[in-house]
Amino acid sequence: VQLQASGGGLVQAGGSLKLFCSAYGRSFSTYVMGWFRQAPGKEREFVATISWLGDRDYYLDSVKGRFTISRDNAKSMVYLQMNNLRPEDTAVYYCHSQGDWGQGTQVTVSS
């Protein structure tokens, strides 16, 4: 599946951003989708995942209650709503599915 992430930017601590991931694949509605991130000098880490039906989601502990993953199968889109952002959320965010990665979108949170 081909993935394209967008929506990143610069925001102050406490602010919000919404990330978008467009997916191109014939069976998108059957894919589990996820978001990962990679901060400078650190390994890529899991952030959130959502089931193909959208009825189950899982989060990195540090983002629980602040981030929400969702999807629209009719539009082949996955979203990550990020609220109450912290400087430690600064990273390149990637969407992921079926072993494929999007190009990433930069999120920078200033203190």
Protein backbone atom coordinates (compact mmCIF):
# COMPACT_ATOMS: atom_id res chain seq x y z
CA VAL A 1 0.00 0.00 0.00
CA GLN A 2 1.19 3.52 -0.79
CA LEU A 3 0.93 6.01 2.05
CA GLN A 4 1.26 9.77 2.17
CA ALA A 5 1.29 11.70 5.44
CA SER A 6 0.62 15.40 5.85
CA GLY A 7 -0.54 17.95 8.38
CA GLY A 8 2.61 18.46 10.41
CA GLY A 9 3.91 21.85 11.43
CA LEU A 10 5.17 24.06 14.22
CA VAL A 11 2.98 24.55 17.27
CA GLN A 12 3.44 25.83 20.81
CA ALA A 13 3.23 23.49 23.77
CA GLY A 14 -0.40 22.90 24.67
CA GLY A 15 -1.52 23.34 21.08
CA SER A 16 -3.09 20.91 18.65
CA LEU A 17 -2.38 19.46 15.24
CA LYS A 18 -4.16 16.94 13.06
CA LEU A 19 -2.19 14.59 10.85
CA PHE A 20 -3.57 13.02 7.71
CA CYS A 21 -2.56 9.84 5.94
CA SER A 22 -3.81 9.03 2.47
CA ALA A 23 -3.63 5.37 1.54
CA TYR A 24 -3.69 3.91 -1.94
CA GLY A 25 -4.54 0.25 -2.02
CA ARG A 26 -7.45 -1.81 -3.21
CA SER A 27 -8.12 -3.36 0.19
CA PHE A 28 -7.59 -0.32 2.44
CA SER A 29 -10.71 -1.05 4.48
CA THR A 30 -9.19 -4.37 5.59
CA TYR A 31 -5.84 -2.90 6.72
CA VAL A 32 -4.80 -2.22 10.27
CA MET A 33 -3.30 1.29 10.21
CA GLY A 34 -0.78 2.86 12.51
CA TRP A 35 1.18 5.97 13.31
CA PHE A 36 4.81 5.94 14.39
CA ARG A 37 7.28 8.71 15.11
CA GLN A 38 11.00 9.24 15.15
CA ALA A 39 12.70 11.99 17.09
CA PRO A 40 16.26 13.11 16.29
CA GLY A 41 18.79 10.62 17.57
CA LYS A 42 16.11 8.16 18.64
CA GLU A 43 14.62 5.03 17.19
CA ARG A 44 11.24 5.03 15.52
CA GLU A 45 8.49 4.28 18.04
CA PHE A 46 4.89 3.21 17.92
CA VAL A 47 2.33 5.93 18.60
CA ALA A 48 -1.12 4.54 17.78
CA THR A 49 -2.91 1.88 15.79
CA ILE A 50 -6.49 1.32 14.70
CA SER A 51 -8.30 -1.81 13.58
CA TRP A 52 -9.63 -2.14 10.06
CA LEU A 53 -13.17 -1.53 11.28
CA GLY A 54 -12.11 1.36 13.48
CA ASP A 55 -13.60 -0.19 16.61
CA ARG A 56 -10.32 -0.79 18.43
CA ASP A 57 -7.37 1.46 18.98
CA TYR A 58 -4.17 1.36 21.00
CA TYR A 59 -1.77 4.06 22.07
CA LEU A 60 1.68 4.71 23.38
CA ASP A 61 1.23 5.36 27.09
CA SER A 62 2.63 8.88 26.90
CA VAL A 63 0.02 9.98 24.33
CA LYS A 64 -3.06 8.34 25.85
CA GLY A 65 -5.76 10.89 26.50
CA ARG A 66 -4.08 13.44 24.22
CA PHE A 67 -3.96 11.73 20.81
CA THR A 68 -6.83 10.11 18.92
CA ILE A 69 -6.48 7.91 15.86
CA SER A 70 -9.40 7.54 13.49
CA ARG A 71 -10.11 6.44 9.95
CA ASP A 72 -12.51 6.94 7.09
CA ASN A 73 -12.54 3.82 4.95
CA ALA A 74 -14.70 5.44 2.29
CA LYS A 75 -11.97 8.03 1.74
CA SER A 76 -9.00 5.71 2.44
CA MET A 77 -7.81 8.13 5.09
CA VAL A 78 -6.34 7.77 8.56
CA TYR A 79 -6.07 10.66 10.98
CA LEU A 80 -4.17 11.46 14.15
CA GLN A 81 -5.64 14.25 16.25
CA MET A 82 -2.99 15.49 18.64
CA ASN A 83 -4.01 17.73 21.53
CA ASN A 84 -2.10 19.23 24.43
CA LEU A 85 1.15 18.75 22.55
CA ARG A 86 4.42 18.68 24.44
CA PRO A 87 7.99 19.44 23.30
CA GLU A 88 8.78 15.74 23.65
CA ASP A 89 6.22 15.02 20.93
CA THR A 90 8.57 16.67 18.43
CA ALA A 91 9.39 14.10 15.76
CA VAL A 92 8.79 13.02 12.21
CA TYR A 93 5.48 11.16 12.15
CA TYR A 94 4.91 8.26 9.79
CA CYS A 95 1.83 6.30 8.89
CA HIS A 96 2.27 2.59 8.47
CA SER A 97 0.41 -0.40 7.14
CA GLN A 98 1.18 -3.78 5.69
CA GLY A 99 4.90 -3.21 6.12
CA ASP A 100 4.79 0.02 4.12
CA TRP A 101 5.70 3.51 5.31
CA GLY A 102 4.67 6.96 4.18
CA GLN A 103 7.27 9.70 3.70
CA GLY A 104 6.67 11.26 7.12
CA THR A 105 5.57 14.68 8.27
CA GLN A 106 7.49 16.88 10.71
CA VAL A 107 5.86 17.93 13.97
CA THR A 108 7.71 20.49 16.06
CA VAL A 109 6.42 21.59 19.46
CA SER A 110 8.05 24.64 20.99
CA SER A 111 8.15 25.22 24.73
